[in-house]
PDB file of N, CA and C in Angstrom:
ATOM      1  N   MET A   1     146.554  31.607  88.063  1.00  0.00           N
ATOM      2  CA  MET A   1     147.605  32.596  88.153  1.00  0.00           C
ATOM      3  C   MET A   1     147.067  33.796  88.923  1.00  0.00           C
ATOM      4  N   SER A   2     147.819  34.248  89.877  1.00  0.00           N
ATOM      5  CA  SER A   2     147.378  35.439  90.601  1.00  0.00           C
ATOM      6  C   SER A   2     148.188  36.640  90.137  1.00  0.00           C
ATOM      7  N   ILE A   3     147.546  37.787  90.206  1.00  0.00           N
ATOM      8  CA  ILE A   3     148.202  39.026  89.816  1.00  0.00           C
ATOM      9  C   ILE A   3     148.682  39.697  91.092  1.00  0.00           C
ATOM     10  N   ASP A   4     149.983  39.801  91.240  1.00  0.00           N
ATOM     11  CA  ASP A   4     150.567  40.403  92.435  1.00  0.00           C
ATOM     12  C   ASP A   4     150.896  41.864  92.160  1.00  0.00           C
ATOM     13  N   ILE A   5     150.494  42.700  93.085  1.00  0.00           N
ATOM     14  CA  ILE A   5     150.749  44.131  92.955  1.00  0.00           C
ATOM     15  C   ILE A   5     151.616  44.552  94.137  1.00  0.00           C
ATOM     16  N   PRO A   6     152.663  45.315  93.889  1.00  0.00           N
ATOM     17  CA  PRO A   6     153.497  45.802  94.990  1.00  0.00           C
ATOM     18  C   PRO A   6     152.654  46.586  96.006  1.00  0.00           C
ATOM     19  N   LYS A   7     153.034  46.504  97.266  1.00  0.00           N
ATOM     20  CA  LYS A   7     152.263  47.115  98.358  1.00  0.00           C
ATOM     21  C   LYS A   7     152.030  48.602  98.149  1.00  0.00           C
ATOM     22  N   GLU A   8     153.044  49.329  97.684  1.00  0.00           N
ATOM     23  CA  GLU A   8     152.868  50.773  97.511  1.00  0.00           C
ATOM     24  C   GLU A   8     151.849  51.091  96.419  1.00  0.00           C
ATOM     25  N   LYS A   9     151.811  50.277  95.369  1.00  0.00           N
ATOM     26  CA  LYS A   9     150.814  50.475  94.321  1.00  0.00           C
ATOM     27  C   LYS A   9     149.428  50.054  94.805  1.00  0.00           C
ATOM     28  N   GLU A  10     149.383  48.991  95.583  1.00  0.00           N
ATOM     29  CA  GLU A  10     148.103  48.540  96.137  1.00  0.00           C
ATOM     30  C   GLU A  10     147.486  49.634  97.009  1.00  0.00           C
ATOM     31  N   ALA A  11     148.301  50.289  97.810  1.00  0.00           N
ATOM     32  CA  ALA A  11     147.810  51.374  98.663  1.00  0.00           C
ATOM     33  C   ALA A  11     147.257  52.516  97.812  1.00  0.00           C
ATOM     34  N   ARG A  12     147.925  52.832  96.712  1.00  0.00           N
ATOM     35  CA  ARG A  12     147.445  53.898  95.815  1.00  0.00           C
ATOM     36  C   ARG A  12     146.145  53.499  95.133  1.00  0.00           C
ATOM     37  N   ILE A  13     146.028  52.231  94.768  1.00  0.00           N
ATOM     38  CA  ILE A  13     144.793  51.746  94.135  1.00  0.00           C
ATOM     39  C   ILE A  13     143.632  51.825  95.129  1.00  0.00           C
ATOM     40  N   ILE A  14     143.877  51.393  96.349  1.00  0.00           N
ATOM     41  CA  ILE A  14     142.825  51.443  97.371  1.00  0.00           C
ATOM     42  C   ILE A  14     142.376  52.878  97.596  1.00  0.00           C
ATOM     43  N   LYS A  15     143.304  53.790  97.668  1.00  0.00           N
ATOM     44  CA  LYS A  15     142.970  55.207  97.817  1.00  0.00           C
ATOM     45  C   LYS A  15     142.139  55.686  96.631  1.00  0.00           C
ATOM     46  N   SER A  16     142.510  55.272  95.424  1.00  0.00           N
ATOM     47  CA  SER A  16     141.781  55.650  94.218  1.00  0.00           C
ATOM     48  C   SER A  16     140.362  55.078  94.217  1.00  0.00           C
ATOM     49  N   VAL A  17     140.212  53.834  94.627  1.00  0.00           N
ATOM     50  CA  VAL A  17     138.891  53.202  94.698  1.00  0.00           C
ATOM     51  C   VAL A  17     138.000  53.962  95.682  1.00  0.00           C
ATOM     52  N   LYS A  18     138.550  54.288  96.840  1.00  0.00           N
ATOM     53  CA  LYS A  18     137.786  55.037  97.834  1.00  0.00           C
ATOM     54  C   LYS A  18     137.357  56.398  97.290  1.00  0.00           C
ATOM     55  N   GLN A  19     138.265  57.066  96.603  1.00  0.00           N
ATOM     56  CA  GLN A  19     137.954  58.369  96.022  1.00  0.00           C
ATOM     57  C   GLN A  19     136.884  58.237  94.939  1.00  0.00           C
ATOM     58  N   TYR A  20     136.967  57.192  94.142  1.00  0.00           N
ATOM     59  CA  TYR A  20     135.969  56.958  93.100  1.00  0.00           C
ATOM     60  C   TYR A  20     134.585  56.806  93.714  1.00  0.00           C
ATOM     61  N   PHE A  21     134.480  55.991  94.769  1.00  0.00           N
ATOM     62  CA  PHE A  21     133.197  55.783  95.437  1.00  0.00           C
ATOM     63  C   PHE A  21     132.652  57.097  95.994  1.00  0.00           C
ATOM     64  N   GLU A  22     133.518  57.888  96.577  1.00  0.00           N
ATOM     65  CA  GLU A  22     133.081  59.157  97.161  1.00  0.00           C
ATOM     66  C   GLU A  22     132.591  60.127  96.090  1.00  0.00           C
ATOM     67  N   GLU A  23     133.344  60.264  95.003  1.00  0.00           N
ATOM     68  CA  GLU A  23     133.029  61.268  93.992  1.00  0.00           C
ATOM     69  C   GLU A  23     131.941  60.840  93.010  1.00  0.00           C
ATOM     70  N   ASN A  24     131.876  59.563  92.684  1.00  0.00           N
ATOM     71  CA  ASN A  24     130.941  59.115  91.654  1.00  0.00           C
ATOM     72  C   ASN A  24     129.717  58.404  92.193  1.00  0.00           C
ATOM     73  N   LEU A  25     129.843  57.790  93.344  1.00  0.00           N
ATOM     74  CA  LEU A  25     128.722  57.044  93.914  1.00  0.00           C
ATOM     75  C   LEU A  25     128.192  57.678  95.200  1.00  0.00           C
ATOM     76  N   GLU A  26     128.815  58.776  95.594  1.00  0.00           N
ATOM     77  CA  GLU A  26     128.448  59.491  96.806  1.00  0.00           C
ATOM     78  C   GLU A  26     128.328  58.551  98.009  1.00  0.00           C
ATOM     79  N   THR A  27     129.291  57.638  98.104  1.00  0.00           N
ATOM     80  CA  THR A  27     129.353  56.658  99.178  1.00  0.00           C
ATOM     81  C   THR A  27     130.779  56.582  99.685  1.00  0.00           C
ATOM     82  N   GLU A  28     130.925  56.605 100.985  1.00  0.00           N
ATOM     83  CA  GLU A  28     132.251  56.425 101.563  1.00  0.00           C
ATOM     84  C   GLU A  28     132.441  54.957 101.921  1.00  0.00           C
ATOM     85  N   ILE A  29     133.600  54.426 101.531  1.00  0.00           N
ATOM     86  CA  ILE A  29     133.952  53.069 101.921  1.00  0.00           C
ATOM     87  C   ILE A  29     135.311  53.114 102.604  1.00  0.00           C
ATOM     88  N   GLY A  30     135.546  52.140 103.438  1.00  0.00           N
ATOM     89  CA  GLY A  30     136.809  52.081 104.152  1.00  0.00           C
ATOM     90  C   GLY A  30     137.854  51.283 103.399  1.00  0.00           C
ATOM     91  N   ASP A  31     139.020  51.205 104.007  1.00  0.00           N
ATOM     92  CA  ASP A  31     140.128  50.470 103.399  1.00  0.00           C
ATOM     93  C   ASP A  31     139.780  49.000 103.179  1.00  0.00           C
ATOM     94  N   LEU A  32     139.079  48.392 104.137  1.00  0.00           N
ATOM     95  CA  LEU A  32     138.761  46.966 104.022  1.00  0.00           C
ATOM     96  C   LEU A  32     137.870  46.705 102.816  1.00  0.00           C
ATOM     97  N   LYS A  33     136.798  47.484 102.664  1.00  0.00           N
ATOM     98  CA  LYS A  33     135.902  47.277 101.523  1.00  0.00           C
ATOM     99  C   LYS A  33     136.617  47.551 100.204  1.00  0.00           C
ATOM    100  N   ALA A  34     137.425  48.592 100.170  1.00  0.00           N
ATOM    101  CA  ALA A  34     138.173  48.902  98.948  1.00  0.00           C
ATOM    102  C   ALA A  34     139.155  47.781  98.634  1.00  0.00           C
ATOM    103  N   SER A  35     139.781  47.227  99.653  1.00  0.00           N
ATOM    104  CA  SER A  35     140.728  46.126  99.472  1.00  0.00           C
ATOM    105  C   SER A  35     140.012  44.870  98.985  1.00  0.00           C
ATOM    106  N   LEU A  36     138.843  44.592  99.533  1.00  0.00           N
ATOM    107  CA  LEU A  36     138.069  43.420  99.094  1.00  0.00           C
ATOM    108  C   LEU A  36     137.616  43.587  97.645  1.00  0.00           C
ATOM    109  N   LEU A  37     137.223  44.798  97.269  1.00  0.00           N
ATOM    110  CA  LEU A  37     136.842  45.062  95.885  1.00  0.00           C
ATOM    111  C   LEU A  37     138.036  44.876  94.953  1.00  0.00           C
ATOM    112  N   LEU A  38     139.190  45.368  95.377  1.00  0.00           N
ATOM    113  CA  LEU A  38     140.402  45.195  94.575  1.00  0.00           C
ATOM    114  C   LEU A  38     140.722  43.713  94.403  1.00  0.00           C
ATOM    115  N   ASP A  39     140.633  42.938  95.466  1.00  0.00           N
ATOM    116  CA  ASP A  39     140.883  41.498  95.373  1.00  0.00           C
ATOM    117  C   ASP A  39     139.930  40.833  94.390  1.00  0.00           C
ATOM    118  N   TYR A  40     138.654  41.227  94.463  1.00  0.00           N
ATOM    119  CA  TYR A  40     137.660  40.665  93.541  1.00  0.00           C
ATOM    120  C   TYR A  40     138.023  40.999  92.094  1.00  0.00           C
ATOM    121  N   ILE A  41     138.331  42.264  91.852  1.00  0.00           N
ATOM    122  CA  ILE A  41     138.662  42.688  90.489  1.00  0.00           C
ATOM    123  C   ILE A  41     139.898  41.961  89.977  1.00  0.00           C
ATOM    124  N   LEU A  42     140.919  41.853  90.814  1.00  0.00           N
ATOM    125  CA  LEU A  42     142.148  41.171  90.390  1.00  0.00           C
ATOM    126  C   LEU A  42     141.896  39.704  90.074  1.00  0.00           C
ATOM    127  N   ASN A  43     141.047  39.049  90.866  1.00  0.00           N
ATOM    128  CA  ASN A  43     140.802  37.619  90.675  1.00  0.00           C
ATOM    129  C   ASN A  43     139.785  37.315  89.589  1.00  0.00           C
ATOM    130  N   GLU A  44     138.789  38.169  89.443  1.00  0.00           N
ATOM    131  CA  GLU A  44     137.708  37.883  88.506  1.00  0.00           C
ATOM    132  C   GLU A  44     137.891  38.576  87.160  1.00  0.00           C
ATOM    133  N   ILE A  45     138.291  39.826  87.169  1.00  0.00           N
ATOM    134  CA  ILE A  45     138.380  40.612  85.948  1.00  0.00           C
ATOM    135  C   ILE A  45     139.821  40.713  85.453  1.00  0.00           C
ATOM    136  N   GLY A  46     140.766  40.711  86.364  1.00  0.00           N
ATOM    137  CA  GLY A  46     142.179  40.832  86.016  1.00  0.00           C
ATOM    138  C   GLY A  46     142.652  39.852  84.960  1.00  0.00           C
ATOM    139  N   PRO A  47     142.297  38.554  85.075  1.00  0.00           N
ATOM    140  CA  PRO A  47     142.763  37.608  84.056  1.00  0.00           C
ATOM    141  C   PRO A  47     142.253  37.923  82.647  1.00  0.00           C
ATOM    142  N   VAL A  48     141.038  38.473  82.553  1.00  0.00           N
ATOM    143  CA  VAL A  48     140.506  38.844  81.238  1.00  0.00           C
ATOM    144  C   VAL A  48     141.369  39.947  80.620  1.00  0.00           C
ATOM    145  N   ILE A  49     141.680  40.949  81.414  1.00  0.00           N
ATOM    146  CA  ILE A  49     142.502  42.061  80.941  1.00  0.00           C
ATOM    147  C   ILE A  49     143.914  41.576  80.615  1.00  0.00           C
ATOM    148  N   TYR A  50     144.470  40.756  81.485  1.00  0.00           N
ATOM    149  CA  TYR A  50     145.823  40.218  81.285  1.00  0.00           C
ATOM    150  C   TYR A  50     145.891  39.413  79.989  1.00  0.00           C
ATOM    151  N   ASN A  51     144.919  38.516  79.793  1.00  0.00           N
ATOM    152  CA  ASN A  51     144.914  37.676  78.589  1.00  0.00           C
ATOM    153  C   ASN A  51     144.796  38.520  77.326  1.00  0.00           C
ATOM    154  N   GLN A  52     143.964  39.561  77.372  1.00  0.00           N
ATOM    155  CA  GLN A  52     143.827  40.430  76.204  1.00  0.00           C
ATOM    156  C   GLN A  52     145.131  41.179  75.938  1.00  0.00           C
ATOM    157  N   ALA A  53     145.787  41.620  76.997  1.00  0.00           N
ATOM    158  CA  ALA A  53     147.063  42.322  76.839  1.00  0.00           C
ATOM    159  C   ALA A  53     148.104  41.403  76.212  1.00  0.00           C
ATOM    160  N   VAL A  54     148.125  40.145  76.624  1.00  0.00           N
ATOM    161  CA  VAL A  54     149.068  39.185  76.043  1.00  0.00           C
ATOM    162  C   VAL A  54     148.748  38.973  74.562  1.00  0.00           C
ATOM    163  N   LEU A  55     147.462  38.847  74.226  1.00  0.00           N
ATOM    164  CA  LEU A  55     147.081  38.685  72.815  1.00  0.00           C
ATOM    165  C   LEU A  55     147.473  39.909  71.996  1.00  0.00           C
ATOM    166  N   ASP A  56     147.257  41.097  72.549  1.00  0.00           N
ATOM    167  CA  ASP A  56     147.639  42.326  71.848  1.00  0.00           C
ATOM    168  C   ASP A  56     149.147  42.389  71.628  1.00  0.00           C
ATOM    169  N   ALA A  57     149.913  42.027  72.650  1.00  0.00           N
ATOM    170  CA  ALA A  57     151.374  42.032  72.531  1.00  0.00           C
ATOM    171  C   ALA A  57     151.831  40.991  71.511  1.00  0.00           C
ATOM    172  N   GLN A  58     151.196  39.829  71.537  1.00  0.00           N
ATOM    173  CA  GLN A  58     151.546  38.770  70.590  1.00  0.00           C
ATOM    174  C   GLN A  58     151.258  39.221  69.154  1.00  0.00           C
ATOM    175  N   LYS A  59     150.104  39.864  68.935  1.00  0.00           N
ATOM    176  CA  LYS A  59     149.760  40.368  67.604  1.00  0.00           C
ATOM    177  C   LYS A  59     150.779  41.413  67.152  1.00  0.00           C
ATOM    178  N   PHE A  60     151.127  42.322  68.046  1.00  0.00           N
ATOM    179  CA  PHE A  60     152.100  43.365  67.737  1.00  0.00           C
ATOM    180  C   PHE A  60     153.438  42.751  67.342  1.00  0.00           C
ATOM    181  N   MET A  61     153.915  41.804  68.135  1.00  0.00           N
ATOM    182  CA  MET A  61     155.208  41.170  67.857  1.00  0.00           C
ATOM    183  C   MET A  61     155.166  40.369  66.559  1.00  0.00           C
ATOM    184  N   THR A  62     154.062  39.684  66.303  1.00  0.00           N
ATOM    185  CA  THR A  62     153.924  38.914  65.069  1.00  0.00           C
ATOM    186  C   THR A  62     153.995  39.835  63.856  1.00  0.00           C
ATOM    187  N   GLU A  63     153.321  41.003  63.951  1.00  0.00           N
ATOM    188  CA  GLU A  63     153.376  41.960  62.852  1.00  0.00           C
ATOM    189  C   GLU A  63     154.798  42.470  62.634  1.00  0.00           C
ATOM    190  N   LYS A  64     155.519  42.739  63.715  1.00  0.00           N
ATOM    191  CA  LYS A  64     156.890  43.234  63.602  1.00  0.00           C
ATOM    192  C   LYS A  64     157.805  42.157  63.027  1.00  0.00           C
ATOM    193  N   ILE A  65     157.615  40.916  63.428  1.00  0.00           N
ATOM    194  CA  ILE A  65     158.449  39.827  62.929  1.00  0.00           C
ATOM    195  C   ILE A  65     158.151  39.577  61.453  1.00  0.00           C
ATOM    196  N   THR A  66     156.890  39.668  61.072  1.00  0.00           N
ATOM    197  CA  THR A  66     156.514  39.495  59.669  1.00  0.00           C
ATOM    198  C   THR A  66     157.145  40.575  58.818  1.00  0.00           C
ATOM    199  N   ASP A  67     157.212  41.782  59.341  1.00  0.00           N
ATOM    200  CA  ASP A  67     157.784  42.915  58.617  1.00  0.00           C
ATOM    201  C   ASP A  67     159.315  42.867  58.587  1.00  0.00           C
ATOM    202  N   LEU A  68     159.907  42.011  59.389  1.00  0.00           N
ATOM    203  CA  LEU A  68     161.360  41.934  59.497  1.00  0.00           C
ATOM    204  C   LEU A  68     162.015  41.612  58.155  1.00  0.00           C
ATOM    205  N   ASP A  69     161.421  40.714  57.384  1.00  0.00           N
ATOM    206  CA  ASP A  69     161.993  40.348  56.085  1.00  0.00           C
ATOM    207  C   ASP A  69     162.118  41.549  55.155  1.00  0.00           C
ATOM    208  N   SER A  70     161.089  42.383  55.110  1.00  0.00           N
ATOM    209  CA  SER A  70     161.131  43.510  54.172  1.00  0.00           C
ATOM    210  C   SER A  70     161.944  44.674  54.716  1.00  0.00           C
ATOM    211  N   SER A  71     161.951  44.871  56.010  1.00  0.00           N
ATOM    212  CA  SER A  71     162.664  46.028  56.557  1.00  0.00           C
ATOM    213  C   SER A  71     164.150  45.759  56.782  1.00  0.00           C
ATOM    214  N   CYS A  72     164.535  44.517  56.871  1.00  0.00           N
ATOM    215  CA  CYS A  72     165.942  44.208  57.155  1.00  0.00           C
ATOM    216  C   CYS A  72     166.618  43.433  56.014  1.00  0.00           C
ATOM    217  N   TYR A  73     165.964  43.332  54.902  1.00  0.00           N
ATOM    218  CA  TYR A  73     166.525  42.562  53.787  1.00  0.00           C
ATOM    219  C   TYR A  73     167.580  43.368  53.050  1.00  0.00           C
ATOM    220  N   GLN A  74     168.663  42.728  52.705  1.00  0.00           N
ATOM    221  CA  GLN A  74     169.710  43.324  51.878  1.00  0.00           C
ATOM    222  C   GLN A  74     169.911  42.424  50.660  1.00  0.00           C
ATOM    223  N   PRO A  75     169.890  43.012  49.484  1.00  0.00           N
ATOM    224  CA  PRO A  75     170.106  42.202  48.283  1.00  0.00           C
ATOM    225  C   PRO A  75     171.481  41.509  48.343  1.00  0.00           C
ATOM    226  N   GLU A  76     171.543  40.336  47.794  1.00  0.00           N
ATOM    227  CA  GLU A  76     172.773  39.544  47.825  1.00  0.00           C
ATOM    228  C   GLU A  76     173.464  39.570  46.459  1.00  0.00           C
ATOM    229  N   PHE A  77     174.719  39.331  46.480  1.00  0.00           N
ATOM    230  CA  PHE A  77     175.527  39.197  45.256  1.00  0.00           C
ATOM    231  C   PHE A  77     175.345  40.391  44.313  1.00  0.00           C
ATOM    232  N   MET A  78     175.475  41.562  44.853  1.00  0.00           N
ATOM    233  CA  MET A  78     175.262  42.776  44.058  1.00  0.00           C
ATOM    234  C   MET A  78     176.556  43.354  43.476  1.00  0.00           C
ATOM    235  N   TYR A  79     177.682  42.811  43.838  1.00  0.00           N
ATOM    236  CA  TYR A  79     178.965  43.358  43.374  1.00  0.00           C
ATOM    237  C   TYR A  79     179.018  43.467  41.855  1.00  0.00           C
ATOM    238  N   TRP A  80     178.714  42.380  41.174  1.00  0.00           N
ATOM    239  CA  TRP A  80     178.852  42.370  39.711  1.00  0.00           C
ATOM    240  C   TRP A  80     177.783  43.224  39.060  1.00  0.00           C
ATOM    241  N   ASN A  81     176.598  43.273  39.662  1.00  0.00           N
ATOM    242  CA  ASN A  81     175.551  44.136  39.101  1.00  0.00           C
ATOM    243  C   ASN A  81     175.955  45.597  39.180  1.00  0.00           C
ATOM    244  N   LYS A  82     176.542  46.008  40.284  1.00  0.00           N
ATOM    245  CA  LYS A  82     176.977  47.394  40.445  1.00  0.00           C
ATOM    246  C   LYS A  82     178.134  47.693  39.493  1.00  0.00           C
ATOM    247  N   ARG A  83     179.041  46.747  39.371  1.00  0.00           N
ATOM    248  CA  ARG A  83     180.234  46.922  38.549  1.00  0.00           C
ATOM    249  C   ARG A  83     179.896  47.005  37.067  1.00  0.00           C
ATOM    250  N   ASP A  84     178.912  46.184  36.683  1.00  0.00           N
ATOM    251  CA  ASP A  84     178.526  46.159  35.268  1.00  0.00           C
ATOM    252  C   ASP A  84     177.431  47.181  34.952  1.00  0.00           C
ATOM    253  N   GLY A  85     177.015  47.972  35.942  1.00  0.00           N
ATOM    254  CA  GLY A  85     175.994  48.994  35.734  1.00  0.00           C
ATOM    255  C   GLY A  85     174.577  48.449  35.657  1.00  0.00           C
ATOM    256  N   LYS A  86     174.366  47.300  36.218  1.00  0.00           N
ATOM    257  CA  LYS A  86     173.026  46.694  36.175  1.00  0.00           C
ATOM    258  C   LYS A  86     172.214  47.101  37.373  1.00  0.00           C
TER     259      LYS A  86
END
């Protein structure tokens, strides 16, 4: 599975990568090197992050679904209990 990023976001990421190299590594890199680094990260590291995000979302949804019984439960057949003061 490949991770596709819209062109406008890709351009912003490349700019950010270049800025990171300049400010933190005191090295200037061009668009090509930044783009190659982005491709590497998306292909090698991206799936790890994506898979973890899916697991986190699945855990979150499972917890919400488990809680559904207690948060959305309405007692049944309560008419006679209310009427008789029970």
